[in-house]
C-alpha cells in the first residue's frame, strides 16, 4: 500500500511538471501582433518634400542630381540623413488601422503638421500628423483616408529645426576637389600659395615645399571630404568688409569661396 502511494505521488509530480512546462514554454504557434504598413512606396520614388506647420514657415526640399537640397525657407544643401528620416514615414508600421470620417478625435482636423511627398505633378501623397496617444506615446497619422498609430519619431524628424537640416559638410558629395588657392590668407598672401591636382598628382606652387602625395591626399580627405562642421548659421556676406579667405577649386572649373571669421570672445 505504501509503495503504491509513493508511486502515485511521483506520477503526480511528473504530470504537474509536464503541465507547467507545456504551459510556460514559448508558444510557437501564437498569433503575432497585427502590423499594418502605412504605405508601400520606395524612398527613391520621391523628388520633392514639403512640411507645413500651423504657426511657422513651411520647409521644402527638392532632389537635384540625386542629392536633396533645401528650397525653403533657405536655398542650400540639405543634410541627407535628416531628409531620409523624414521620408521614413513611408516605411512605417502600425498596430492600428482605422477607416473613419471622424478624424477630429485624432486631432487630424487641425493637424500638427502636414507632410507632402511628390513623385511628379500627378502623384502627390499627403500625411497628416495628429495628437499623441497618452498610453503608448505614439502619434496618430492619416494617409489616404486611413488613420494609423505610429512611433512619435516620424513626427519629430519632420519637425526638426531648419538650421539642423542644413548639410554641415563644406563640400557636396558630388563636388570633386581639384585644387586650392591660399593666397588670400595672411600667412600665404606674399607667396600666393596654390595647391593643384595636375595629371593625377598634387603640385605645390612653392618650390621649397616638399609634402608627399600621401600626406596631401590624407589632408584633403580628412579636412575637406569627410569633415563636418559642428554647427551652421545662415550668413549674409558684407561686401564692404574684408576677411581672410581661400578658394577651393573644383574639377568642373567652378570655385567655392570660404571666408574666415575670427571668433569674438567676451
C-alpha atoms as a PDB file:
ATOM      1  CA  UNK A   1       0.000   0.000   0.000  1.00  0.00           C
ATOM      2  CA  UNK A   2       2.819   2.374   0.927  1.00  0.00           C
ATOM      3  CA  UNK A   3       4.696   1.680  -2.346  1.00  0.00           C
ATOM      4  CA  UNK A   4       1.527   2.379  -4.352  1.00  0.00           C
ATOM      5  CA  UNK A   5       1.054   5.692  -2.571  1.00  0.00           C
ATOM      6  CA  UNK A   6       4.644   6.742  -3.322  1.00  0.00           C
ATOM      7  CA  UNK A   7       4.259   5.734  -6.979  1.00  0.00           C
ATOM      8  CA  UNK A   8       1.097   7.814  -7.312  1.00  0.00           C
ATOM      9  CA  UNK A   9       2.863  10.784  -5.704  1.00  0.00           C
ATOM     10  CA  UNK A  10       5.784  10.511  -8.123  1.00  0.00           C
ATOM     11  CA  UNK A  11       3.387  10.309 -11.085  1.00  0.00           C
ATOM     12  CA  UNK A  12       1.547  13.359  -9.794  1.00  0.00           C
ATOM     13  CA  UNK A  13       4.798  15.371  -9.582  1.00  0.00           C
ATOM     14  CA  UNK A  14       5.785  14.299 -13.104  1.00  0.00           C
ATOM     15  CA  UNK A  15       2.392  15.254 -14.523  1.00  0.00           C
ATOM     16  CA  UNK A  16       2.459  18.605 -12.714  1.00  0.00           C
ATOM     17  CA  UNK A  17       5.940  19.315 -14.097  1.00  0.00           C
ATOM     18  CA  UNK A  18       4.841  18.366 -17.615  1.00  0.00           C
ATOM     19  CA  UNK A  19       1.789  20.605 -17.410  1.00  0.00           C
ATOM     20  CA  UNK A  20       3.916  23.510 -16.167  1.00  0.00           C
ATOM     21  CA  UNK A  21       6.401  23.006 -18.987  1.00  0.00           C
ATOM     22  CA  UNK A  22       3.685  22.925 -21.638  1.00  0.00           C
ATOM     23  CA  UNK A  23       2.019  25.998 -20.168  1.00  0.00           C
ATOM     24  CA  UNK A  24       5.102  28.127 -19.662  1.00  0.00           C
ATOM     25  CA  UNK A  25       7.115  27.275 -22.785  1.00  0.00           C
ATOM     26  CA  UNK A  26       7.094  29.811 -25.653  1.00  0.00           C
ATOM     27  CA  UNK A  27       4.085  29.226 -27.855  1.00  0.00           C
ATOM     28  CA  UNK A  28       5.453  28.911 -31.382  1.00  0.00           C
ATOM     29  CA  UNK A  29       2.024  28.985 -32.898  1.00  0.00           C
ATOM     30  CA  UNK A  30       0.885  32.103 -31.044  1.00  0.00           C
ATOM     31  CA  UNK A  31      -0.732  34.673 -33.275  1.00  0.00           C
ATOM     32  CA  UNK A  32       1.629  37.571 -33.955  1.00  0.00           C
ATOM     33  CA  UNK A  33       0.503  41.115 -33.242  1.00  0.00           C
ATOM     34  CA  UNK A  34      -1.110  42.755 -36.253  1.00  0.00           C
ATOM     35  CA  UNK A  35       1.088  45.155 -38.178  1.00  0.00           C
ATOM     36  CA  UNK A  36      -0.180  47.354 -40.958  1.00  0.00           C
ATOM     37  CA  UNK A  37       2.052  49.069 -43.491  1.00  0.00           C
ATOM     38  CA  UNK A  38       1.379  52.783 -43.830  1.00  0.00           C
ATOM     39  CA  UNK A  39       2.438  52.605 -47.477  1.00  0.00           C
ATOM     40  CA  UNK A  40       4.344  50.501 -49.990  1.00  0.00           C
ATOM     41  CA  UNK A  41       6.301  53.364 -51.570  1.00  0.00           C
ATOM     42  CA  UNK A  42      10.081  53.437 -52.004  1.00  0.00           C
ATOM     43  CA  UNK A  43      12.394  56.282 -50.929  1.00  0.00           C
ATOM     44  CA  UNK A  44      13.787  56.732 -54.426  1.00  0.00           C
ATOM     45  CA  UNK A  45      10.336  57.453 -55.866  1.00  0.00           C
ATOM     46  CA  UNK A  46      10.081  60.965 -54.432  1.00  0.00           C
ATOM     47  CA  UNK A  47      11.691  64.136 -55.745  1.00  0.00           C
ATOM     48  CA  UNK A  48      10.100  66.853 -53.628  1.00  0.00           C
ATOM     49  CA  UNK A  49       9.093  67.190 -49.978  1.00  0.00           C
ATOM     50  CA  UNK A  50       7.106  69.861 -48.165  1.00  0.00           C
ATOM     51  CA  UNK A  51       6.496  70.082 -44.416  1.00  0.00           C
ATOM     52  CA  UNK A  52       3.794  72.543 -43.329  1.00  0.00           C
ATOM     53  CA  UNK A  53       3.031  73.757 -39.794  1.00  0.00           C
ATOM     54  CA  UNK A  54       0.115  75.764 -38.377  1.00  0.00           C
ATOM     55  CA  UNK A  55       2.222  78.576 -36.920  1.00  0.00           C
ATOM     56  CA  UNK A  56       5.626  78.653 -38.638  1.00  0.00           C
ATOM     57  CA  UNK A  57       7.114  78.757 -42.102  1.00  0.00           C
ATOM     58  CA  UNK A  58       6.951  75.670 -44.273  1.00  0.00           C
ATOM     59  CA  UNK A  59      10.093  73.688 -45.086  1.00  0.00           C
ATOM     60  CA  UNK A  60      10.607  72.232 -48.545  1.00  0.00           C
ATOM     61  CA  UNK A  61      13.199  70.073 -50.273  1.00  0.00           C
ATOM     62  CA  UNK A  62      13.998  69.083 -53.837  1.00  0.00           C
ATOM     63  CA  UNK A  63      16.250  66.347 -55.133  1.00  0.00           C
ATOM     64  CA  UNK A  64      18.882  67.619 -57.590  1.00  0.00           C
ATOM     65  CA  UNK A  65      21.301  65.195 -59.274  1.00  0.00           C
ATOM     66  CA  UNK A  66      20.495  62.570 -56.666  1.00  0.00           C
ATOM     67  CA  UNK A  67      21.033  64.849 -53.634  1.00  0.00           C
ATOM     68  CA  UNK A  68      18.473  66.654 -51.512  1.00  0.00           C
ATOM     69  CA  UNK A  69      18.521  70.460 -51.305  1.00  0.00           C
ATOM     70  CA  UNK A  70      16.553  72.817 -49.097  1.00  0.00           C
ATOM     71  CA  UNK A  71      14.416  75.166 -51.203  1.00  0.00           C
ATOM     72  CA  UNK A  72      12.556  76.974 -48.396  1.00  0.00           C
ATOM     73  CA  UNK A  73      12.898  78.844 -46.150  1.00  0.00           C
ATOM     74  CA  UNK A  74      16.543  78.810 -47.327  1.00  0.00           C
ATOM     75  CA  UNK A  75      18.200  77.624 -50.503  1.00  0.00           C
ATOM     76  CA  UNK A  76      21.142  75.399 -49.627  1.00  0.00           C
ATOM     77  CA  UNK A  77      22.300  71.792 -49.475  1.00  0.00           C
ATOM     78  CA  UNK A  78      20.314  69.612 -47.098  1.00  0.00           C
ATOM     79  CA  UNK A  79      21.629  67.099 -44.606  1.00  0.00           C
ATOM     80  CA  UNK A  80      20.944  63.843 -46.442  1.00  0.00           C
ATOM     81  CA  UNK A  81      20.340  61.572 -43.382  1.00  0.00           C
ATOM     82  CA  UNK A  82      17.864  64.106 -41.948  1.00  0.00           C
ATOM     83  CA  UNK A  83      15.832  64.061 -45.154  1.00  0.00           C
ATOM     84  CA  UNK A  84      15.879  60.262 -45.181  1.00  0.00           C
ATOM     85  CA  UNK A  85      14.468  60.274 -41.646  1.00  0.00           C
ATOM     86  CA  UNK A  86      11.597  62.499 -42.790  1.00  0.00           C
ATOM     87  CA  UNK A  87      10.889  60.160 -45.707  1.00  0.00           C
ATOM     88  CA  UNK A  88      10.964  57.131 -43.409  1.00  0.00           C
ATOM     89  CA  UNK A  89       7.237  57.578 -42.701  1.00  0.00           C
ATOM     90  CA  UNK A  90       6.513  55.683 -45.918  1.00  0.00           C
ATOM     91  CA  UNK A  91       8.052  52.550 -44.368  1.00  0.00           C
ATOM     92  CA  UNK A  92       6.268  52.855 -41.013  1.00  0.00           C
ATOM     93  CA  UNK A  93       4.210  50.049 -39.487  1.00  0.00           C
ATOM     94  CA  UNK A  94       1.169  50.465 -37.269  1.00  0.00           C
ATOM     95  CA  UNK A  95      -0.679  48.242 -34.810  1.00  0.00           C
ATOM     96  CA  UNK A  96      -3.888  50.072 -35.678  1.00  0.00           C
ATOM     97  CA  UNK A  97      -5.585  50.796 -38.979  1.00  0.00           C
ATOM     98  CA  UNK A  98      -8.783  52.822 -38.715  1.00  0.00           C
ATOM     99  CA  UNK A  99     -11.012  53.841 -41.598  1.00  0.00           C
ATOM    100  CA  UNK A 100     -13.217  56.669 -40.345  1.00  0.00           C
ATOM    101  CA  UNK A 101     -14.635  60.062 -41.247  1.00  0.00           C
ATOM    102  CA  UNK A 102     -14.398  61.247 -37.639  1.00  0.00           C
ATOM    103  CA  UNK A 103     -10.786  62.429 -37.757  1.00  0.00           C
ATOM    104  CA  UNK A 104     -11.323  65.181 -35.167  1.00  0.00           C
ATOM    105  CA  UNK A 105     -10.923  62.785 -32.236  1.00  0.00           C
ATOM    106  CA  UNK A 106      -7.406  62.024 -33.501  1.00  0.00           C
ATOM    107  CA  UNK A 107      -6.505  65.705 -33.910  1.00  0.00           C
ATOM    108  CA  UNK A 108      -6.342  65.305 -37.672  1.00  0.00           C
ATOM    109  CA  UNK A 109      -8.877  68.025 -38.481  1.00  0.00           C
ATOM    110  CA  UNK A 110      -6.237  70.507 -37.259  1.00  0.00           C
ATOM    111  CA  UNK A 111      -3.007  68.536 -37.745  1.00  0.00           C
ATOM    112  CA  UNK A 112       0.234  69.420 -36.001  1.00  0.00           C
ATOM    113  CA  UNK A 113       1.948  69.146 -39.375  1.00  0.00           C
ATOM    114  CA  UNK A 114       1.258  68.098 -42.938  1.00  0.00           C
ATOM    115  CA  UNK A 115       3.886  66.197 -44.900  1.00  0.00           C
ATOM    116  CA  UNK A 116       3.571  66.244 -48.691  1.00  0.00           C
ATOM    117  CA  UNK A 117       5.698  63.900 -50.804  1.00  0.00           C
ATOM    118  CA  UNK A 118       5.840  64.424 -54.561  1.00  0.00           C
ATOM    119  CA  UNK A 119       6.772  61.876 -57.192  1.00  0.00           C
ATOM    120  CA  UNK A 120       5.562  64.006 -60.100  1.00  0.00           C
ATOM    121  CA  UNK A 121       2.788  66.529 -60.677  1.00  0.00           C
ATOM    122  CA  UNK A 122       0.195  63.767 -60.960  1.00  0.00           C
ATOM    123  CA  UNK A 123       1.391  61.729 -57.963  1.00  0.00           C
ATOM    124  CA  UNK A 124       1.291  63.590 -54.669  1.00  0.00           C
ATOM    125  CA  UNK A 125       0.983  61.838 -51.293  1.00  0.00           C
ATOM    126  CA  UNK A 126      -0.115  63.580 -48.085  1.00  0.00           C
ATOM    127  CA  UNK A 127       0.460  62.503 -44.489  1.00  0.00           C
ATOM    128  CA  UNK A 128      -1.278  64.369 -41.652  1.00  0.00           C
ATOM    129  CA  UNK A 129       0.113  64.171 -38.107  1.00  0.00           C
ATOM    130  CA  UNK A 130      -2.404  64.473 -35.263  1.00  0.00           C
ATOM    131  CA  UNK A 131      -2.454  64.008 -31.496  1.00  0.00           C
ATOM    132  CA  UNK A 132      -0.466  61.579 -29.371  1.00  0.00           C
ATOM    133  CA  UNK A 133      -1.835  58.504 -27.678  1.00  0.00           C
ATOM    134  CA  UNK A 134      -1.124  59.118 -23.952  1.00  0.00           C
ATOM    135  CA  UNK A 135      -0.895  55.400 -23.186  1.00  0.00           C
ATOM    136  CA  UNK A 136       1.655  54.422 -25.827  1.00  0.00           C
ATOM    137  CA  UNK A 137       3.263  57.823 -26.595  1.00  0.00           C
ATOM    138  CA  UNK A 138       2.633  57.118 -30.263  1.00  0.00           C
ATOM    139  CA  UNK A 139       1.140  59.565 -32.748  1.00  0.00           C
ATOM    140  CA  UNK A 140      -1.951  59.318 -34.923  1.00  0.00           C
ATOM    141  CA  UNK A 141      -1.400  59.995 -38.606  1.00  0.00           C
ATOM    142  CA  UNK A 142      -3.642  59.760 -41.629  1.00  0.00           C
ATOM    143  CA  UNK A 143      -2.885  58.792 -45.191  1.00  0.00           C
ATOM    144  CA  UNK A 144      -5.454  58.214 -47.908  1.00  0.00           C
ATOM    145  CA  UNK A 145      -8.422  58.492 -45.520  1.00  0.00           C
ATOM    146  CA  UNK A 146      -6.969  55.888 -43.156  1.00  0.00           C
ATOM    147  CA  UNK A 147      -5.739  56.553 -39.612  1.00  0.00           C
ATOM    148  CA  UNK A 148      -2.639  54.818 -38.235  1.00  0.00           C
ATOM    149  CA  UNK A 149      -0.843  54.888 -34.895  1.00  0.00           C
ATOM    150  CA  UNK A 150       2.938  55.140 -35.349  1.00  0.00           C
ATOM    151  CA  UNK A 151       6.060  55.863 -33.318  1.00  0.00           C
ATOM    152  CA  UNK A 152       6.476  59.555 -32.492  1.00  0.00           C
ATOM    153  CA  UNK A 153       9.943  59.547 -34.126  1.00  0.00           C
ATOM    154  CA  UNK A 154       8.420  60.259 -37.535  1.00  0.00           C
ATOM    155  CA  UNK A 155       6.740  63.472 -36.458  1.00  0.00           C
ATOM    156  CA  UNK A 156       9.862  64.515 -34.553  1.00  0.00           C
ATOM    157  CA  UNK A 157      12.018  64.036 -37.672  1.00  0.00           C
ATOM    158  CA  UNK A 158       9.704  66.213 -39.755  1.00  0.00           C
ATOM    159  CA  UNK A 159       9.654  68.888 -37.021  1.00  0.00           C
ATOM    160  CA  UNK A 160      13.445  69.232 -36.803  1.00  0.00           C
ATOM    161  CA  UNK A 161      14.622  72.843 -36.680  1.00  0.00           C
ATOM    162  CA  UNK A 162      15.542  74.110 -40.126  1.00  0.00           C
ATOM    163  CA  UNK A 163      19.084  75.037 -39.123  1.00  0.00           C
ATOM    164  CA  UNK A 164      19.726  71.376 -38.245  1.00  0.00           C
ATOM    165  CA  UNK A 165      18.516  70.265 -41.693  1.00  0.00           C
ATOM    166  CA  UNK A 166      21.380  72.083 -43.441  1.00  0.00           C
ATOM    167  CA  UNK A 167      24.320  69.999 -44.643  1.00  0.00           C
ATOM    168  CA  UNK A 168      27.306  70.507 -42.345  1.00  0.00           C
ATOM    169  CA  UNK A 169      29.872  69.229 -44.848  1.00  0.00           C
ATOM    170  CA  UNK A 170      31.917  72.006 -46.517  1.00  0.00           C
ATOM    171  CA  UNK A 171      31.501  70.444 -49.960  1.00  0.00           C
ATOM    172  CA  UNK A 172      28.794  68.484 -51.715  1.00  0.00           C
ATOM    173  CA  UNK A 173      29.431  64.747 -52.258  1.00  0.00           C
ATOM    174  CA  UNK A 174      29.210  65.468 -55.982  1.00  0.00           C
ATOM    175  CA  UNK A 175      31.990  68.076 -55.879  1.00  0.00           C
ATOM    176  CA  UNK A 176      35.479  66.822 -56.667  1.00  0.00           C
ATOM    177  CA  UNK A 177      38.383  68.869 -55.310  1.00  0.00           C
ATOM    178  CA  UNK A 178      40.956  69.901 -57.931  1.00  0.00           C
ATOM    179  CA  UNK A 179      42.993  72.488 -56.025  1.00  0.00           C
ATOM    180  CA  UNK A 180      43.240  75.312 -53.500  1.00  0.00           C
ATOM    181  CA  UNK A 181      44.136  78.991 -53.633  1.00  0.00           C
ATOM    182  CA  UNK A 182      45.513  80.074 -50.242  1.00  0.00           C
ATOM    183  CA  UNK A 183      46.793  83.453 -51.477  1.00  0.00           C
ATOM    184  CA  UNK A 184      44.167  85.438 -49.562  1.00  0.00           C
ATOM    185  CA  UNK A 185      45.265  84.103 -46.170  1.00  0.00           C
ATOM    186  CA  UNK A 186      47.723  86.304 -44.257  1.00  0.00           C
ATOM    187  CA  UNK A 187      50.463  83.709 -43.935  1.00  0.00           C
ATOM    188  CA  UNK A 188      50.404  82.864 -47.648  1.00  0.00           C
ATOM    189  CA  UNK A 189      49.499  86.236 -49.153  1.00  0.00           C
ATOM    190  CA  UNK A 190      53.090  87.140 -50.048  1.00  0.00           C
ATOM    191  CA  UNK A 191      53.858  83.788 -51.678  1.00  0.00           C
ATOM    192  CA  UNK A 192      50.434  83.305 -53.283  1.00  0.00           C
ATOM    193  CA  UNK A 193      50.368  79.640 -52.249  1.00  0.00           C
ATOM    194  CA  UNK A 194      48.375  77.341 -54.521  1.00  0.00           C
ATOM    195  CA  UNK A 195      47.872  73.592 -54.485  1.00  0.00           C
ATOM    196  CA  UNK A 196      46.637  71.934 -57.672  1.00  0.00           C
ATOM    197  CA  UNK A 197      45.935  68.439 -58.964  1.00  0.00           C
ATOM    198  CA  UNK A 198      47.896  68.027 -62.212  1.00  0.00           C
ATOM    199  CA  UNK A 199      47.849  64.737 -64.119  1.00  0.00           C
ATOM    200  CA  UNK A 200      46.753  62.872 -61.005  1.00  0.00           C
ATOM    201  CA  UNK A 201      49.449  64.384 -58.752  1.00  0.00           C
ATOM    202  CA  UNK A 202      49.314  67.254 -56.287  1.00  0.00           C
ATOM    203  CA  UNK A 203      51.572  70.183 -57.261  1.00  0.00           C
ATOM    204  CA  UNK A 204      52.566  72.897 -54.757  1.00  0.00           C
ATOM    205  CA  UNK A 205      53.401  76.366 -56.070  1.00  0.00           C
ATOM    206  CA  UNK A 206      56.254  76.790 -53.565  1.00  0.00           C
ATOM    207  CA  UNK A 207      59.469  75.128 -54.712  1.00  0.00           C
ATOM    208  CA  UNK A 208      60.752  74.635 -51.168  1.00  0.00           C
ATOM    209  CA  UNK A 209      57.593  72.831 -50.058  1.00  0.00           C
ATOM    210  CA  UNK A 210      58.034  69.058 -50.419  1.00  0.00           C
ATOM    211  CA  UNK A 211      54.974  67.333 -48.927  1.00  0.00           C
ATOM    212  CA  UNK A 212      54.420  63.744 -50.035  1.00  0.00           C
ATOM    213  CA  UNK A 213      51.433  62.717 -52.120  1.00  0.00           C
ATOM    214  CA  UNK A 214      50.162  60.545 -49.263  1.00  0.00           C
ATOM    215  CA  UNK A 215      50.296  63.476 -46.843  1.00  0.00           C
ATOM    216  CA  UNK A 216      48.363  65.696 -49.231  1.00  0.00           C
ATOM    217  CA  UNK A 217      45.787  63.001 -50.030  1.00  0.00           C
ATOM    218  CA  UNK A 218      45.186  62.375 -46.321  1.00  0.00           C
ATOM    219  CA  UNK A 219      44.887  66.113 -45.638  1.00  0.00           C
ATOM    220  CA  UNK A 220      42.353  66.649 -48.439  1.00  0.00           C
ATOM    221  CA  UNK A 221      40.379  63.566 -47.447  1.00  0.00           C
ATOM    222  CA  UNK A 222      40.281  64.401 -43.742  1.00  0.00           C
ATOM    223  CA  UNK A 223      39.871  68.178 -43.963  1.00  0.00           C
ATOM    224  CA  UNK A 224      37.534  68.505 -46.938  1.00  0.00           C
ATOM    225  CA  UNK A 225      35.853  65.233 -47.879  1.00  0.00           C
ATOM    226  CA  UNK A 226      34.891  63.703 -44.527  1.00  0.00           C
ATOM    227  CA  UNK A 227      34.989  66.628 -42.126  1.00  0.00           C
ATOM    228  CA  UNK A 228      31.755  68.183 -40.875  1.00  0.00           C
ATOM    229  CA  UNK A 229      31.082  71.473 -39.119  1.00  0.00           C
ATOM    230  CA  UNK A 230      29.876  71.369 -35.521  1.00  0.00           C
ATOM    231  CA  UNK A 231      27.096  73.829 -36.354  1.00  0.00           C
ATOM    232  CA  UNK A 232      25.932  76.119 -39.151  1.00  0.00           C
ATOM    233  CA  UNK A 233      24.357  79.574 -39.337  1.00  0.00           C
ATOM    234  CA  UNK A 234      22.686  81.486 -42.140  1.00  0.00           C
ATOM    235  CA  UNK A 235      25.045  84.288 -43.158  1.00  0.00           C
ATOM    236  CA  UNK A 236      24.623  87.272 -45.462  1.00  0.00           C
ATOM    237  CA  UNK A 237      28.060  88.469 -46.591  1.00  0.00           C
ATOM    238  CA  UNK A 238      29.048  92.080 -46.106  1.00  0.00           C
ATOM    239  CA  UNK A 239      30.575  93.044 -49.440  1.00  0.00           C
ATOM    240  CA  UNK A 240      32.369  96.018 -47.885  1.00  0.00           C
ATOM    241  CA  UNK A 241      34.139  94.007 -45.194  1.00  0.00           C
ATOM    242  CA  UNK A 242      37.486  92.348 -45.823  1.00  0.00           C
ATOM    243  CA  UNK A 243      38.273  88.995 -44.252  1.00  0.00           C
ATOM    244  CA  UNK A 244      40.943  86.363 -44.851  1.00  0.00           C
ATOM    245  CA  UNK A 245      39.658  83.766 -47.276  1.00  0.00           C
ATOM    246  CA  UNK A 246      40.575  80.871 -49.527  1.00  0.00           C
ATOM    247  CA  UNK A 247      39.097  79.230 -52.586  1.00  0.00           C
ATOM    248  CA  UNK A 248      38.563  75.550 -53.263  1.00  0.00           C
ATOM    249  CA  UNK A 249      38.930  74.727 -56.950  1.00  0.00           C
ATOM    250  CA  UNK A 250      36.580  72.065 -58.288  1.00  0.00           C
ATOM    251  CA  UNK A 251      37.078  69.645 -61.155  1.00  0.00           C
ATOM    252  CA  UNK A 252      34.197  71.217 -63.112  1.00  0.00           C
ATOM    253  CA  UNK A 253      36.015  74.573 -63.192  1.00  0.00           C
ATOM    254  CA  UNK A 254      33.937  76.315 -60.516  1.00  0.00           C
ATOM    255  CA  UNK A 255      35.206  77.554 -57.157  1.00  0.00           C
ATOM    256  CA  UNK A 256      33.941  77.574 -53.590  1.00  0.00           C
ATOM    257  CA  UNK A 257      34.836  80.741 -51.691  1.00  0.00           C
ATOM    258  CA  UNK A 258      35.398  80.320 -47.955  1.00  0.00           C
ATOM    259  CA  UNK A 259      35.745  83.298 -45.620  1.00  0.00           C
ATOM    260  CA  UNK A 260      37.457  83.002 -42.252  1.00  0.00           C
ATOM    261  CA  UNK A 261      35.988  84.908 -39.325  1.00  0.00           C
ATOM    262  CA  UNK A 262      37.696  85.444 -36.022  1.00  0.00           C
ATOM    263  CA  UNK A 263      35.602  84.433 -33.035  1.00  0.00           C
ATOM    264  CA  UNK A 264      34.653  87.214 -30.651  1.00  0.00           C
ATOM    265  CA  UNK A 265      35.082  86.152 -27.053  1.00  0.00           C
ATOM    266  CA  UNK A 266      33.641  88.171 -24.207  1.00  0.00           C
END
